[in-house]
C-alpha atoms as a PDB file:
ATOM      1  CA  UNK A   1       0.000   0.000   0.000  1.00  0.00           C
ATOM      2  CA  UNK A   2       1.302   3.439  -0.884  1.00  0.00           C
ATOM      3  CA  UNK A   3       1.889   5.822   1.994  1.00  0.00           C
ATOM      4  CA  UNK A   4      -0.359   8.902   1.919  1.00  0.00           C
ATOM      5  CA  UNK A   5       1.371  10.950   4.596  1.00  0.00           C
ATOM      6  CA  UNK A   6       1.281  11.401   8.352  1.00  0.00           C
ATOM      7  CA  UNK A   7      -0.215  13.848  10.817  1.00  0.00           C
ATOM      8  CA  UNK A   8       3.274  15.317  11.162  1.00  0.00           C
ATOM      9  CA  UNK A   9       3.157  16.820   7.660  1.00  0.00           C
ATOM     10  CA  UNK A  10       0.320  18.880   6.232  1.00  0.00           C
ATOM     11  CA  UNK A  11      -0.504  21.214   3.334  1.00  0.00           C
ATOM     12  CA  UNK A  12      -1.268  24.922   3.635  1.00  0.00           C
ATOM     13  CA  UNK A  13      -2.521  27.492   1.143  1.00  0.00           C
ATOM     14  CA  UNK A  14      -0.505  30.722   1.010  1.00  0.00           C
ATOM     15  CA  UNK A  15      -1.974  34.144   0.275  1.00  0.00           C
ATOM     16  CA  UNK A  16      -0.358  34.107  -3.184  1.00  0.00           C
ATOM     17  CA  UNK A  17      -2.204  30.888  -4.095  1.00  0.00           C
ATOM     18  CA  UNK A  18       0.675  28.457  -3.567  1.00  0.00           C
ATOM     19  CA  UNK A  19       0.049  25.158  -1.794  1.00  0.00           C
ATOM     20  CA  UNK A  20       3.044  24.163   0.319  1.00  0.00           C
ATOM     21  CA  UNK A  21       3.867  21.377   2.718  1.00  0.00           C
ATOM     22  CA  UNK A  22       4.821  22.032   6.323  1.00  0.00           C
ATOM     23  CA  UNK A  23       6.081  19.994   9.265  1.00  0.00           C
ATOM     24  CA  UNK A  24       4.229  20.498  12.535  1.00  0.00           C
ATOM     25  CA  UNK A  25       7.454  19.936  14.481  1.00  0.00           C
ATOM     26  CA  UNK A  26       9.154  22.850  12.709  1.00  0.00           C
ATOM     27  CA  UNK A  27       6.093  25.080  13.061  1.00  0.00           C
ATOM     28  CA  UNK A  28       6.453  24.791  16.827  1.00  0.00           C
ATOM     29  CA  UNK A  29       9.932  26.331  16.848  1.00  0.00           C
ATOM     30  CA  UNK A  30      10.166  30.107  17.198  1.00  0.00           C
ATOM     31  CA  UNK A  31      12.210  32.120  14.719  1.00  0.00           C
ATOM     32  CA  UNK A  32      12.166  29.441  12.034  1.00  0.00           C
ATOM     33  CA  UNK A  33      10.657  29.398   8.528  1.00  0.00           C
ATOM     34  CA  UNK A  34      10.308  26.450   6.185  1.00  0.00           C
ATOM     35  CA  UNK A  35       8.264  25.098   3.297  1.00  0.00           C
ATOM     36  CA  UNK A  36       8.091  22.272   0.775  1.00  0.00           C
ATOM     37  CA  UNK A  37       6.725  23.472  -2.548  1.00  0.00           C
ATOM     38  CA  UNK A  38       4.286  21.571  -4.770  1.00  0.00           C
ATOM     39  CA  UNK A  39       3.077  21.901  -8.349  1.00  0.00           C
ATOM     40  CA  UNK A  40       0.743  24.594  -7.007  1.00  0.00           C
ATOM     41  CA  UNK A  41       3.729  26.830  -6.306  1.00  0.00           C
ATOM     42  CA  UNK A  42       6.792  28.157  -8.132  1.00  0.00           C
ATOM     43  CA  UNK A  43       7.080  26.715 -11.628  1.00  0.00           C
ATOM     44  CA  UNK A  44       8.720  23.290 -11.314  1.00  0.00           C
ATOM     45  CA  UNK A  45      10.509  23.466 -14.685  1.00  0.00           C
ATOM     46  CA  UNK A  46      11.873  26.906 -13.836  1.00  0.00           C
ATOM     47  CA  UNK A  47      13.117  25.554 -10.502  1.00  0.00           C
ATOM     48  CA  UNK A  48      14.990  22.830 -12.387  1.00  0.00           C
ATOM     49  CA  UNK A  49      16.502  25.168 -14.977  1.00  0.00           C
ATOM     50  CA  UNK A  50      17.019  28.338 -12.916  1.00  0.00           C
ATOM     51  CA  UNK A  51      17.206  27.672  -9.161  1.00  0.00           C
ATOM     52  CA  UNK A  52      18.185  31.281  -8.500  1.00  0.00           C
ATOM     53  CA  UNK A  53      14.934  32.555  -9.982  1.00  0.00           C
ATOM     54  CA  UNK A  54      12.882  30.016  -8.044  1.00  0.00           C
ATOM     55  CA  UNK A  55      14.800  30.949  -4.923  1.00  0.00           C
ATOM     56  CA  UNK A  56      14.016  34.623  -5.422  1.00  0.00           C
ATOM     57  CA  UNK A  57      10.292  33.903  -5.601  1.00  0.00           C
ATOM     58  CA  UNK A  58      10.473  31.765  -2.460  1.00  0.00           C
ATOM     59  CA  UNK A  59      12.654  34.309  -0.668  1.00  0.00           C
ATOM     60  CA  UNK A  60       9.879  36.859  -0.858  1.00  0.00           C
ATOM     61  CA  UNK A  61       7.310  34.440   0.528  1.00  0.00           C
ATOM     62  CA  UNK A  62       9.554  33.427   3.438  1.00  0.00           C
ATOM     63  CA  UNK A  63      10.500  36.992   4.238  1.00  0.00           C
ATOM     64  CA  UNK A  64      14.261  36.347   4.260  1.00  0.00           C
ATOM     65  CA  UNK A  65      17.125  38.374   2.776  1.00  0.00           C
ATOM     66  CA  UNK A  66      18.696  35.643   0.646  1.00  0.00           C
ATOM     67  CA  UNK A  67      18.628  31.963  -0.304  1.00  0.00           C
ATOM     68  CA  UNK A  68      21.642  29.683  -0.711  1.00  0.00           C
ATOM     69  CA  UNK A  69      21.634  26.515  -2.806  1.00  0.00           C
ATOM     70  CA  UNK A  70      24.203  24.101  -4.197  1.00  0.00           C
ATOM     71  CA  UNK A  71      24.856  22.268  -7.452  1.00  0.00           C
ATOM     72  CA  UNK A  72      23.592  18.878  -6.342  1.00  0.00           C
ATOM     73  CA  UNK A  73      25.895  15.987  -7.195  1.00  0.00           C
ATOM     74  CA  UNK A  74      24.330  12.926  -5.473  1.00  0.00           C
ATOM     75  CA  UNK A  75      27.142  12.738  -2.944  1.00  0.00           C
ATOM     76  CA  UNK A  76      27.616  13.633   0.726  1.00  0.00           C
ATOM     77  CA  UNK A  77      29.482  16.952   0.634  1.00  0.00           C
ATOM     78  CA  UNK A  78      28.143  19.531   3.115  1.00  0.00           C
ATOM     79  CA  UNK A  79      28.811  23.222   2.432  1.00  0.00           C
ATOM     80  CA  UNK A  80      28.694  26.244   4.757  1.00  0.00           C
ATOM     81  CA  UNK A  81      27.680  29.224   2.608  1.00  0.00           C
ATOM     82  CA  UNK A  82      28.491  32.733   3.789  1.00  0.00           C
ATOM     83  CA  UNK A  83      25.967  34.389   1.494  1.00  0.00           C
ATOM     84  CA  UNK A  84      22.963  33.609  -0.663  1.00  0.00           C
ATOM     85  CA  UNK A  85      23.136  32.286  -4.210  1.00  0.00           C
ATOM     86  CA  UNK A  86      25.122  29.322  -5.602  1.00  0.00           C
ATOM     87  CA  UNK A  87      27.250  27.800  -2.838  1.00  0.00           C
ATOM     88  CA  UNK A  88      29.200  25.308  -4.970  1.00  0.00           C
ATOM     89  CA  UNK A  89      29.006  21.600  -5.724  1.00  0.00           C
ATOM     90  CA  UNK A  90      27.546  19.507  -2.931  1.00  0.00           C
ATOM     91  CA  UNK A  91      24.374  18.024  -1.475  1.00  0.00           C
ATOM     92  CA  UNK A  92      24.070  19.657   1.897  1.00  0.00           C
ATOM     93  CA  UNK A  93      24.117  23.111   3.463  1.00  0.00           C
ATOM     94  CA  UNK A  94      24.485  24.347   7.053  1.00  0.00           C
ATOM     95  CA  UNK A  95      24.475  27.815   8.576  1.00  0.00           C
ATOM     96  CA  UNK A  96      23.724  29.860  11.682  1.00  0.00           C
ATOM     97  CA  UNK A  97      23.177  33.031   9.659  1.00  0.00           C
ATOM     98  CA  UNK A  98      19.815  34.666  10.186  1.00  0.00           C
ATOM     99  CA  UNK A  99      17.593  35.592   7.237  1.00  0.00           C
ATOM    100  CA  UNK A 100      19.539  33.328   4.826  1.00  0.00           C
ATOM    101  CA  UNK A 101      17.457  30.349   3.728  1.00  0.00           C
ATOM    102  CA  UNK A 102      18.891  27.015   2.606  1.00  0.00           C
ATOM    103  CA  UNK A 103      17.231  25.451  -0.441  1.00  0.00           C
ATOM    104  CA  UNK A 104      17.322  21.983  -1.979  1.00  0.00           C
ATOM    105  CA  UNK A 105      15.665  20.654  -5.130  1.00  0.00           C
ATOM    106  CA  UNK A 106      14.125  17.234  -5.714  1.00  0.00           C
ATOM    107  CA  UNK A 107      12.169  15.132  -8.174  1.00  0.00           C
ATOM    108  CA  UNK A 108      12.005  11.955  -6.005  1.00  0.00           C
ATOM    109  CA  UNK A 109      15.059  12.173  -3.718  1.00  0.00           C
ATOM    110  CA  UNK A 110      14.483  12.822   0.000  1.00  0.00           C
ATOM    111  CA  UNK A 111      15.319  16.310   1.219  1.00  0.00           C
ATOM    112  CA  UNK A 112      16.128  16.556   4.926  1.00  0.00           C
ATOM    113  CA  UNK A 113      15.467  19.783   6.837  1.00  0.00           C
ATOM    114  CA  UNK A 114      17.225  20.092  10.190  1.00  0.00           C
ATOM    115  CA  UNK A 115      17.535  22.660  12.941  1.00  0.00           C
ATOM    116  CA  UNK A 116      19.027  23.015  16.405  1.00  0.00           C
ATOM    117  CA  UNK A 117      17.000  25.637  18.282  1.00  0.00           C
ATOM    118  CA  UNK A 118      19.723  25.932  20.945  1.00  0.00           C
ATOM    119  CA  UNK A 119      22.755  26.774  18.779  1.00  0.00           C
ATOM    120  CA  UNK A 120      20.646  28.384  16.050  1.00  0.00           C
ATOM    121  CA  UNK A 121      22.047  26.108  13.350  1.00  0.00           C
ATOM    122  CA  UNK A 122      19.942  24.998  10.406  1.00  0.00           C
ATOM    123  CA  UNK A 123      20.803  22.419   7.777  1.00  0.00           C
ATOM    124  CA  UNK A 124      19.524  20.791   4.614  1.00  0.00           C
ATOM    125  CA  UNK A 125      20.549  17.605   2.825  1.00  0.00           C
ATOM    126  CA  UNK A 126      19.657  16.162  -0.578  1.00  0.00           C
ATOM    127  CA  UNK A 127      19.654  12.437   0.246  1.00  0.00           C
ATOM    128  CA  UNK A 128      19.567  10.662  -3.119  1.00  0.00           C
ATOM    129  CA  UNK A 129      20.109   6.907  -2.981  1.00  0.00           C
ATOM    130  CA  UNK A 130      23.819   7.481  -3.500  1.00  0.00           C
ATOM    131  CA  UNK A 131      23.859  10.164  -0.827  1.00  0.00           C
ATOM    132  CA  UNK A 132      21.898   7.898   1.497  1.00  0.00           C
ATOM    133  CA  UNK A 133      24.379   5.072   0.994  1.00  0.00           C
ATOM    134  CA  UNK A 134      27.192   7.583   1.629  1.00  0.00           C
ATOM    135  CA  UNK A 135      25.461   8.537   4.924  1.00  0.00           C
ATOM    136  CA  UNK A 136      24.738  12.171   4.087  1.00  0.00           C
ATOM    137  CA  UNK A 137      22.096  12.354   6.838  1.00  0.00           C
ATOM    138  CA  UNK A 138      24.686  11.410   9.453  1.00  0.00           C
ATOM    139  CA  UNK A 139      27.211  13.767   7.885  1.00  0.00           C
ATOM    140  CA  UNK A 140      24.735  16.642   8.120  1.00  0.00           C
ATOM    141  CA  UNK A 141      24.367  16.125  11.878  1.00  0.00           C
ATOM    142  CA  UNK A 142      28.111  15.631  12.387  1.00  0.00           C
ATOM    143  CA  UNK A 143      28.841  18.894  10.586  1.00  0.00           C
ATOM    144  CA  UNK A 144      26.229  20.836  12.551  1.00  0.00           C
ATOM    145  CA  UNK A 145      27.771  19.489  15.753  1.00  0.00           C
ATOM    146  CA  UNK A 146      31.390  20.071  14.727  1.00  0.00           C
ATOM    147  CA  UNK A 147      31.008  23.526  13.217  1.00  0.00           C
ATOM    148  CA  UNK A 148      28.328  25.117  15.375  1.00  0.00           C
ATOM    149  CA  UNK A 149      28.412  23.154  18.617  1.00  0.00           C
ATOM    150  CA  UNK A 150      24.941  21.706  18.126  1.00  0.00           C
ATOM    151  CA  UNK A 151      23.975  18.692  20.221  1.00  0.00           C
ATOM    152  CA  UNK A 152      22.306  15.729  18.446  1.00  0.00           C
ATOM    153  CA  UNK A 153      19.783  15.535  21.288  1.00  0.00           C
ATOM    154  CA  UNK A 154      18.582  19.073  20.480  1.00  0.00           C
ATOM    155  CA  UNK A 155      18.360  18.751  16.695  1.00  0.00           C
ATOM    156  CA  UNK A 156      15.007  18.308  14.973  1.00  0.00           C
ATOM    157  CA  UNK A 157      15.126  16.707  11.496  1.00  0.00           C
ATOM    158  CA  UNK A 158      12.336  16.276   8.943  1.00  0.00           C
ATOM    159  CA  UNK A 159      12.334  14.093   5.822  1.00  0.00           C
ATOM    160  CA  UNK A 160      10.369  15.687   2.986  1.00  0.00           C
ATOM    161  CA  UNK A 161       8.190  13.833   0.447  1.00  0.00           C
ATOM    162  CA  UNK A 162      10.137  11.535  -1.870  1.00  0.00           C
ATOM    163  CA  UNK A 163       9.806   8.234  -3.664  1.00  0.00           C
ATOM    164  CA  UNK A 164       8.584   5.785  -1.049  1.00  0.00           C
ATOM    165  CA  UNK A 165       9.298   2.133  -0.275  1.00  0.00           C
ATOM    166  CA  UNK A 166       6.065   1.346  -2.102  1.00  0.00           C
ATOM    167  CA  UNK A 167       7.546   2.421  -5.441  1.00  0.00           C
ATOM    168  CA  UNK A 168      11.342   2.665  -5.282  1.00  0.00           C
ATOM    169  CA  UNK A 169      12.434  -0.374  -7.274  1.00  0.00           C
ATOM    170  CA  UNK A 170      16.221  -0.724  -7.538  1.00  0.00           C
ATOM    171  CA  UNK A 171      18.736  -3.065  -9.113  1.00  0.00           C
ATOM    172  CA  UNK A 172      21.261  -5.368  -7.416  1.00  0.00           C
ATOM    173  CA  UNK A 173      23.991  -2.741  -7.743  1.00  0.00           C
ATOM    174  CA  UNK A 174      22.184  -0.458  -5.281  1.00  0.00           C
ATOM    175  CA  UNK A 175      21.860  -3.238  -2.718  1.00  0.00           C
ATOM    176  CA  UNK A 176      25.533  -4.170  -3.154  1.00  0.00           C
ATOM    177  CA  UNK A 177      26.727  -0.598  -2.632  1.00  0.00           C
ATOM    178  CA  UNK A 178      24.427  -0.154   0.357  1.00  0.00           C
ATOM    179  CA  UNK A 179      25.721  -3.368   1.900  1.00  0.00           C
ATOM    180  CA  UNK A 180      29.330  -2.314   1.330  1.00  0.00           C
ATOM    181  CA  UNK A 181      28.716   0.999   3.105  1.00  0.00           C
ATOM    182  CA  UNK A 182      26.159   0.110   5.773  1.00  0.00           C
ATOM    183  CA  UNK A 183      27.037  -3.525   6.412  1.00  0.00           C
ATOM    184  CA  UNK A 184      24.375  -5.917   7.660  1.00  0.00           C
ATOM    185  CA  UNK A 185      22.160  -2.976   8.629  1.00  0.00           C
ATOM    186  CA  UNK A 186      21.442  -2.439   4.916  1.00  0.00           C
ATOM    187  CA  UNK A 187      19.286  -5.563   4.636  1.00  0.00           C
ATOM    188  CA  UNK A 188      16.453  -4.072   6.703  1.00  0.00           C
ATOM    189  CA  UNK A 189      15.974  -1.278   4.159  1.00  0.00           C
ATOM    190  CA  UNK A 190      15.355  -3.588   1.192  1.00  0.00           C
ATOM    191  CA  UNK A 191      12.285  -5.681   0.471  1.00  0.00           C
ATOM    192  CA  UNK A 192      11.690  -8.209  -2.281  1.00  0.00           C
ATOM    193  CA  UNK A 193       8.216  -8.312  -3.821  1.00  0.00           C
ATOM    194  CA  UNK A 194       7.235 -10.304  -6.895  1.00  0.00           C
ATOM    195  CA  UNK A 195      10.859 -10.810  -7.849  1.00  0.00           C
ATOM    196  CA  UNK A 196      11.709  -7.105  -7.569  1.00  0.00           C
ATOM    197  CA  UNK A 197      13.762  -5.245  -4.955  1.00  0.00           C
ATOM    198  CA  UNK A 198      12.531  -2.057  -3.264  1.00  0.00           C
ATOM    199  CA  UNK A 199      14.651   0.383  -1.245  1.00  0.00           C
ATOM    200  CA  UNK A 200      13.163   2.228   1.759  1.00  0.00           C
ATOM    201  CA  UNK A 201      14.998   5.552   1.675  1.00  0.00           C
ATOM    202  CA  UNK A 202      12.868   6.910   4.506  1.00  0.00           C
ATOM    203  CA  UNK A 203      13.862   4.168   6.948  1.00  0.00           C
ATOM    204  CA  UNK A 204      17.504   4.285   5.855  1.00  0.00           C
ATOM    205  CA  UNK A 205      17.773   8.012   6.526  1.00  0.00           C
ATOM    206  CA  UNK A 206      15.941   7.731   9.854  1.00  0.00           C
ATOM    207  CA  UNK A 207      18.468   5.063  10.823  1.00  0.00           C
ATOM    208  CA  UNK A 208      21.382   7.309   9.852  1.00  0.00           C
ATOM    209  CA  UNK A 209      20.014  10.157  11.954  1.00  0.00           C
ATOM    210  CA  UNK A 210      19.691   7.776  14.896  1.00  0.00           C
ATOM    211  CA  UNK A 211      23.266   6.588  14.328  1.00  0.00           C
ATOM    212  CA  UNK A 212      24.355  10.233  14.528  1.00  0.00           C
ATOM    213  CA  UNK A 213      22.875  10.410  18.043  1.00  0.00           C
ATOM    214  CA  UNK A 214      19.470  11.981  17.438  1.00  0.00           C
ATOM    215  CA  UNK A 215      16.543  10.787  19.579  1.00  0.00           C
ATOM    216  CA  UNK A 216      13.761   9.095  17.598  1.00  0.00           C
ATOM    217  CA  UNK A 217      11.143  11.570  18.805  1.00  0.00           C
ATOM    218  CA  UNK A 218      13.043  14.402  17.080  1.00  0.00           C
ATOM    219  CA  UNK A 219      12.891  12.729  13.647  1.00  0.00           C
ATOM    220  CA  UNK A 220       9.838  13.271  11.463  1.00  0.00           C
ATOM    221  CA  UNK A 221       8.926  12.025   7.994  1.00  0.00           C
ATOM    222  CA  UNK A 222       6.290  13.376   5.620  1.00  0.00           C
ATOM    223  CA  UNK A 223       5.431   9.840   4.536  1.00  0.00           C
ATOM    224  CA  UNK A 224       4.255  10.975   1.083  1.00  0.00           C
ATOM    225  CA  UNK A 225       5.513   9.175  -2.009  1.00  0.00           C
ATOM    226  CA  UNK A 226       6.235  11.471  -4.956  1.00  0.00           C
ATOM    227  CA  UNK A 227       5.542   8.677  -7.435  1.00  0.00           C
ATOM    228  CA  UNK A 228       2.104   8.009  -5.944  1.00  0.00           C
ATOM    229  CA  UNK A 229       1.420  11.747  -5.682  1.00  0.00           C
ATOM    230  CA  UNK A 230       2.830  12.852  -9.007  1.00  0.00           C
ATOM    231  CA  UNK A 231      -0.181  15.162  -9.143  1.00  0.00           C
ATOM    232  CA  UNK A 232       1.443  17.183  -6.352  1.00  0.00           C
ATOM    233  CA  UNK A 233       5.166  16.634  -6.937  1.00  0.00           C
ATOM    234  CA  UNK A 234       7.454  16.171  -9.956  1.00  0.00           C
ATOM    235  CA  UNK A 235       8.814  12.620 -10.202  1.00  0.00           C
ATOM    236  CA  UNK A 236      11.843  11.592 -12.223  1.00  0.00           C
ATOM    237  CA  UNK A 237      10.682   7.987 -11.986  1.00  0.00           C
ATOM    238  CA  UNK A 238       7.528   8.876 -13.895  1.00  0.00           C
ATOM    239  CA  UNK A 239       8.553  11.831 -16.047  1.00  0.00           C
ATOM    240  CA  UNK A 240      12.221  11.129 -16.730  1.00  0.00           C
ATOM    241  CA  UNK A 241      14.436  14.012 -17.827  1.00  0.00           C
ATOM    242  CA  UNK A 242      11.462  16.301 -18.380  1.00  0.00           C
ATOM    243  CA  UNK A 243      10.579  16.211 -14.673  1.00  0.00           C
ATOM    244  CA  UNK A 244      10.659  19.570 -12.958  1.00  0.00           C
ATOM    245  CA  UNK A 245      11.790  20.092  -9.387  1.00  0.00           C
ATOM    246  CA  UNK A 246      10.028  20.891  -6.156  1.00  0.00           C
ATOM    247  CA  UNK A 247      11.870  22.687  -3.390  1.00  0.00           C
ATOM    248  CA  UNK A 248      12.525  22.230   0.308  1.00  0.00           C
ATOM    249  CA  UNK A 249      13.713  25.303   2.198  1.00  0.00           C
ATOM    250  CA  UNK A 250      14.537  26.198   5.795  1.00  0.00           C
ATOM    251  CA  UNK A 251      15.727  29.431   7.396  1.00  0.00           C
ATOM    252  CA  UNK A 252      16.530  31.015  10.733  1.00  0.00           C
ATOM    253  CA  UNK A 253      14.717  34.350  10.791  1.00  0.00           C
END
């Protein structure tokens, strides 16, 4: 059965007509802004082709001064931008700067939004299957701790909509690489059905956040599959190269 979401993640209509996703756990934190865009938001093809333009539209809605983003490479490099705009090649961003949002783009890959309300650090990771296998979720927490003195026990992390375990069919190469990186733990994230293998990216990234020292109650997942809900989100699995991009963004105000 395809996951349809959880009570932790909901949709809201903005004054400009956009429909965006929000995490209740992040709403509860003062001085924080976030959103996950849908097709009823900034143009998804424009977001794919011109992230800066999409970021400018989102910047105005969030009420921040700038937005930083990276050239995503399906790895585990975490960058610390000093200003808005292109931050370089990588798949994660961290900062303590106020009024500078961090933005990630997706068309099936999980985006992880993270914040430590004590140190003021915020972070974002683009956890593609390769990034997941390379433990980018853990690396995001490690970098927030090492650079800004955040404590894993204080961090709140949210996994945005992405292709779910219901639909993410993978080949043997993915399982082999996951096993090489994660060891025996990898087996729990793969399920065989009707002769096909499916990878649970949600569970794998939750596990990595736990391995980094986060308490389970501070980890939240949208639980919405972008393949099942292609009406709301672009999906590379369905649309191929023509798929646009939706956006996850988080900022300290």
